[in-house]
Protein backbone atom coordinates (compact mmCIF):
# COMPACT_ATOMS: atom_id res chain seq x y z
CA MET A 1 8.18 -8.49 6.64
CA ILE A 2 6.42 -10.31 3.96
CA SER A 3 8.54 -12.35 1.71
CA ILE A 4 7.12 -13.62 -1.54
CA GLN A 5 9.24 -16.57 -3.09
CA HIS A 6 8.68 -17.88 -6.59
CA VAL A 7 4.96 -17.47 -6.59
CA HIS A 8 2.84 -18.83 -9.63
CA LYS A 9 -0.75 -18.23 -10.15
CA SER A 10 -2.81 -19.36 -12.99
CA PHE A 11 -6.79 -19.25 -13.90
CA ASP A 12 -8.17 -21.82 -16.38
CA GLY A 13 -4.60 -22.33 -17.61
CA HIS A 14 -3.64 -18.74 -18.02
CA ARG A 15 -0.61 -17.90 -15.98
CA VAL A 16 -1.29 -14.61 -14.04
CA LEU A 17 1.72 -14.62 -11.66
CA ASN A 18 4.90 -16.06 -12.97
CA ASP A 19 7.74 -16.71 -10.46
CA VAL A 20 7.22 -13.68 -8.55
CA THR A 21 9.93 -13.01 -5.90
CA VAL A 22 10.24 -10.02 -3.78
CA ASP A 23 10.64 -8.94 -0.10
CA MET A 24 8.24 -6.17 1.51
CA GLN A 25 9.92 -4.56 4.46
CA ASP A 26 8.58 -3.20 7.68
CA GLY A 27 8.32 0.56 8.11
CA GLN A 28 7.93 1.00 4.44
CA CYS A 29 5.24 1.79 1.72
CA ASN A 30 5.78 -1.15 -0.52
CA MET A 31 3.91 -0.21 -3.83
CA ILE A 32 2.64 -2.80 -6.54
CA ILE A 33 2.36 -0.91 -9.85
CA GLY A 34 1.68 -1.82 -13.56
CA GLN A 35 -0.70 -1.65 -16.23
CA SER A 36 -4.23 -3.08 -16.10
CA GLY A 37 -3.92 -7.08 -16.36
CA SER A 38 -0.24 -7.11 -15.12
CA GLY A 39 -1.21 -9.26 -12.15
CA LYS A 40 -0.92 -6.66 -9.46
CA THR A 41 -4.47 -7.22 -8.05
CA VAL A 42 -4.05 -10.97 -7.82
CA LEU A 43 -0.86 -10.45 -6.15
CA MET A 44 -2.45 -8.57 -3.56
CA LYS A 45 -5.39 -10.92 -3.27
CA SER A 46 -2.97 -13.76 -2.86
CA LEU A 47 -1.04 -11.89 -0.30
CA ILE A 48 -4.13 -11.76 1.98
CA GLY A 49 -5.21 -15.32 1.38
CA LEU A 50 -8.35 -14.50 -1.13
CA HIS A 51 -6.60 -16.46 -3.82
CA GLY A 52 -4.45 -19.49 -3.24
CA VAL A 53 -1.35 -19.66 -5.17
CA ASP A 54 -0.33 -22.85 -7.44
CA SER A 55 3.19 -22.80 -5.98
CA GLY A 56 5.75 -20.75 -4.01
CA ARG A 57 5.78 -19.14 -0.54
CA ILE A 58 4.08 -16.13 1.05
CA GLU A 59 5.87 -15.62 4.46
CA TYR A 60 4.64 -13.36 7.20
CA ASP A 61 7.72 -13.19 9.17
CA GLY A 62 8.61 -16.67 8.46
CA ARG A 63 5.17 -17.96 8.65
CA ASN A 64 4.21 -19.50 5.28
CA LEU A 65 0.59 -18.66 4.35
CA PRO A 66 -0.07 -21.55 1.86
CA ASP A 67 0.70 -23.85 4.58
CA MET A 68 -1.58 -22.35 7.28
CA SER A 69 -4.77 -23.91 8.62
CA GLU A 70 -7.98 -22.08 8.65
CA LYS A 71 -7.49 -21.11 12.41
CA GLU A 72 -3.92 -19.77 11.63
CA VAL A 73 -5.22 -17.67 8.67
CA ARG A 74 -7.79 -16.26 11.02
CA LEU A 75 -5.33 -15.40 13.64
CA LEU A 76 -3.09 -13.99 10.98
CA HIS A 77 -5.99 -11.52 9.79
CA ARG A 78 -6.01 -10.11 13.07
CA GLU A 79 -2.68 -8.79 12.40
CA VAL A 80 -3.77 -7.31 8.91
CA GLY A 81 -5.45 -3.90 8.54
CA MET A 82 -7.26 -3.15 5.12
CA LEU A 83 -7.82 0.08 3.44
CA PHE A 84 -10.43 -0.48 0.65
CA GLN A 85 -10.59 1.33 -2.57
CA GLY A 86 -13.83 2.98 -1.92
CA ALA A 87 -13.22 3.19 1.93
CA ALA A 88 -16.02 0.65 2.29
CA LEU A 89 -17.53 2.35 5.38
CA PHE A 90 -20.88 1.05 6.81
CA ASP A 91 -23.42 3.82 5.91
CA SER A 92 -25.68 2.62 8.74
CA LEU A 93 -23.20 3.18 11.28
CA THR A 94 -21.56 6.49 12.57
CA VAL A 95 -18.02 7.43 12.35
CA MET A 96 -17.20 6.19 15.56
CA GLN A 97 -19.07 3.12 15.18
CA ASN A 98 -17.34 2.33 11.92
CA VAL A 99 -13.84 2.42 13.82
CA LEU A 100 -15.36 0.38 16.75
CA PHE A 101 -16.64 -2.41 14.57
CA PRO A 102 -13.18 -4.35 14.29
CA LEU A 103 -12.61 -3.81 17.86
CA GLU A 104 -16.02 -5.29 18.91
CA MET A 105 -15.30 -8.20 16.54
CA TRP A 106 -11.65 -9.02 17.52
CA ALA A 107 -10.29 -7.16 20.22
CA PRO A 108 -10.43 -8.73 23.93
CA MET A 109 -10.94 -5.23 25.53
CA THR A 110 -13.51 -3.79 27.93
CA ARG A 111 -16.06 -1.41 26.25
CA ARG A 112 -14.28 1.56 27.88
CA GLU A 113 -10.81 0.33 26.26
CA ARG A 114 -12.34 -0.16 22.77
CA GLU A 115 -13.71 3.21 22.84
CA GLU A 116 -10.44 4.84 24.06
CA ARG A 117 -8.73 2.96 21.26
CA ALA A 118 -11.21 4.30 18.60
CA ARG A 119 -10.85 7.86 19.85
CA PHE A 120 -7.24 7.46 19.60
CA CYS A 121 -7.18 6.37 16.11
CA LEU A 122 -9.64 9.06 14.93
CA GLU A 123 -7.52 11.65 16.66
CA ARG A 124 -4.45 10.06 15.14
CA VAL A 125 -6.03 10.72 11.55
CA ASN A 126 -7.14 14.33 12.45
CA ILE A 127 -10.77 13.56 12.54
CA SER A 128 -12.42 16.22 14.84
CA ASN A 129 -14.72 14.74 17.28
CA VAL A 130 -17.38 16.99 15.95
CA ALA A 131 -17.65 14.20 13.15
CA TRP A 132 -17.44 11.16 15.46
CA ASN A 133 -21.38 11.00 15.51
CA LEU A 134 -22.00 11.72 11.81
CA SER A 135 -22.62 9.03 9.26
CA PRO A 136 -20.20 8.51 6.26
CA ALA A 137 -22.55 10.24 3.91
CA GLU A 138 -22.45 13.38 6.05
CA ILE A 139 -18.53 13.88 5.55
CA SER A 140 -16.27 14.43 2.56
CA GLY A 141 -14.37 11.90 0.54
CA GLY A 142 -11.09 12.79 2.10
CA MET A 143 -12.56 12.38 5.69
CA GLN A 144 -14.05 9.15 4.75
CA LYS A 145 -10.64 7.86 3.71
CA ARG A 146 -9.19 8.95 6.88
CA VAL A 147 -12.04 7.17 8.87
CA ALA A 148 -11.22 4.02 6.97
CA ILE A 149 -7.60 4.51 7.83
CA ALA A 150 -8.36 4.87 11.43
CA ARG A 151 -10.56 1.88 11.21
CA ALA A 152 -7.54 -0.07 9.39
CA ILE A 153 -5.25 0.65 12.19
CA ALA A 154 -7.66 0.07 15.17
CA LEU A 155 -6.39 -3.48 15.93
CA ASN A 156 -2.73 -2.08 15.70
CA PRO A 157 -1.88 -4.27 12.84
CA ARG A 158 1.53 -5.47 11.76
CA TYR A 159 0.51 -5.39 7.91
CA LEU A 160 -1.50 -2.86 6.24
CA PHE A 161 -3.08 -3.30 2.72
CA CYS A 162 -4.13 -0.40 0.69
CA ASP A 163 -6.20 -0.87 -2.63
CA GLU A 164 -5.97 2.36 -4.58
CA PRO A 165 -6.10 4.63 -1.43
CA ASN A 166 -6.53 7.96 -3.47
CA SER A 167 -9.28 6.73 -5.71
CA GLY A 168 -11.75 9.36 -6.31
CA LEU A 169 -9.87 12.22 -4.35
CA ASP A 170 -8.67 15.42 -5.58
CA PRO A 171 -4.82 15.90 -5.89
CA LYS A 172 -4.47 18.03 -2.60
CA THR A 173 -6.56 15.53 -0.70
CA SER A 174 -4.55 12.59 -2.19
CA LEU A 175 -1.26 14.07 -0.89
CA VAL A 176 -2.50 14.42 2.47
CA ILE A 177 -3.65 10.64 2.47
CA ASP A 178 -0.48 9.67 1.18
CA GLN A 179 1.46 11.55 3.87
CA LEU A 180 -0.76 9.99 6.57
CA ILE A 181 -0.36 6.56 5.26
CA HIS A 182 3.55 6.96 5.15
CA GLU A 183 3.55 8.60 8.53
CA ILE A 184 1.57 5.73 10.09
CA THR A 185 3.65 3.20 8.30
CA GLN A 186 6.84 4.55 9.75
CA GLU A 187 5.53 5.64 13.12
CA TYR A 188 4.24 1.97 13.88
CA ASN A 189 6.86 0.08 11.76
CA ILE A 190 4.06 -1.53 9.66
CA CYS A 191 4.74 -3.38 6.46
CA THR A 192 2.36 -1.37 4.37
CA VAL A 193 1.35 -2.83 0.83
CA ILE A 194 -0.32 -0.47 -1.64
CA ASN A 195 -1.80 -1.28 -4.98
CA SER A 196 -1.76 2.02 -6.98
CA HIS A 197 -2.02 3.60 -10.42
CA ASP A 198 -1.44 7.27 -9.07
CA MET A 199 1.97 8.31 -10.12
CA ASN A 200 1.93 11.01 -7.93
CA SER A 201 1.78 8.51 -4.82
CA ILE A 202 4.40 6.43 -6.25
CA MET A 203 6.93 9.25 -6.51
CA GLU A 204 5.70 10.73 -3.04
CA ILE A 205 5.82 7.60 -0.84
CA GLY A 206 7.22 4.81 -2.75
CA ASP A 207 9.86 3.55 -0.50
CA ASN A 208 9.89 0.16 -2.26
CA ILE A 209 8.25 -0.12 -5.72
CA ILE A 210 7.42 -3.32 -7.51
CA PHE A 211 6.69 -3.07 -11.21
CA LEU A 212 4.83 -6.07 -12.53
CA ARG A 213 4.53 -6.96 -16.17
CA GLU A 214 2.46 -9.59 -17.75
CA GLY A 215 2.85 -11.43 -14.30
CA HIS A 216 6.49 -11.00 -13.88
CA LYS A 217 8.43 -8.78 -11.58
CA GLU A 218 10.03 -6.37 -14.11
CA TRP A 219 11.65 -4.11 -11.75
CA GLN A 220 12.09 -3.02 -8.00
CA GLY A 221 13.45 -0.02 -6.52
CA SER A 222 12.67 2.95 -4.65
CA ARG A 223 10.88 6.34 -5.84
CA HIS A 224 14.51 7.91 -6.10
CA GLU A 225 15.88 5.05 -8.33
CA ILE A 226 12.82 4.69 -10.50
CA PHE A 227 13.91 8.11 -12.40
CA TYR A 228 17.14 6.35 -13.48
CA ALA A 229 16.04 2.93 -14.06
CA ASP A 230 17.25 1.35 -17.22
CA ASN A 231 14.19 -0.42 -18.09
CA ALA A 232 12.15 0.41 -21.28
CA ALA A 233 8.87 -1.25 -20.03
CA LEU A 234 9.13 0.70 -16.69
CA ASN A 235 9.93 3.97 -18.38
CA ASP A 236 7.07 3.74 -20.97
CA PHE A 237 4.64 2.96 -17.82
CA VAL A 238 5.83 5.77 -15.50
CA PHE A 239 6.81 8.41 -18.02
CA ALA A 240 3.85 8.09 -20.16
CA GLY A 241 2.74 11.84 -19.33
CA ASP A 242 4.74 14.92 -20.55
CA LEU A 243 5.09 16.21 -16.99
CA PHE A 244 6.89 13.19 -15.61
CA LYS A 245 9.11 13.13 -18.93
CA MET A 246 10.15 16.72 -18.17
CA VAL A 247 10.89 15.93 -14.52
CA ARG A 248 13.08 12.77 -15.55
CA ASP A 249 14.92 14.69 -18.38
CA GLN A 250 15.78 17.53 -16.05
CA LEU A 251 17.05 15.09 -13.44
CA ASN A 252 19.17 13.30 -16.10
CA VAL A 253 20.55 16.57 -16.97
CA GLN A 254 21.64 17.37 -13.57
CA ARG A 255 23.10 14.04 -12.97
CA ASP A 256 25.20 14.44 -16.16
CA ASP A 257 26.30 17.71 -14.95
CA VAL A 258 27.33 16.43 -11.54
CA GLN A 259 29.26 13.51 -13.33
CA CYS A 260 31.08 15.98 -15.60
CA THR A 261 32.07 18.18 -12.92
CA LYS A 262 33.33 15.11 -10.75
CA ASP A 263 35.18 13.93 -13.92
CA ASN A 264 36.79 17.45 -14.46
CA ASN A 265 37.77 17.77 -11.01
CA GLU A 266 39.40 14.17 -10.89
CA SER A 267 41.50 15.06 -14.19
CA LEU A 268 43.10 18.11 -12.59
């Protein structure tokens, strides 16, 4: 679990994060959402130590990141997997070599053990061995994201950070990537943190959604609760499109019908 307690962060006197408090649970996709400039990117970078915070606590299972030494931070980063927005694969390396890279850097394994782990991760994300010796430029964008996920889980992380994981993907491929991230999160009980603008992703895998507005945590809840949230700023953000407005309105009608039936039965 990652516990964020009363975190403040400013740049040049401008407050970007203001008293943010939230718990992010293991085995869940914890999604940070909000408009551009809401502070979500700064929050994610603060969580992984790229930005120091002005005050507050960021606890990884009780270990407070701001209090850690450089050595302790390096050890913590071995427990962290990263899925970057553009996959960020090394063009000069093959698919297999990309997944082997963190293992060769950090894992105290024999070469055979590293190769077995890399093969397992590639098979877990459904990358055929036909592609293992190809370069990233020779595979599709969706396959590149799968390879990036394989690399991110190579060290068997306890925490996984994903920055706009569906950026540049078509809707069908985005759904596949969402489902894969969610499956891996639950299968290995990872605390997964996702920074996303994608409403489809939020509605599909948002176990724990944190809505930031002007540096504040404005709302927190699940993808099921978000349809019934009584928060004007959240509704303006989530239901900006006509399709999601129609879905919300239909669900509200169904809820009202259920409540009316319940009330009538109780009055009989």
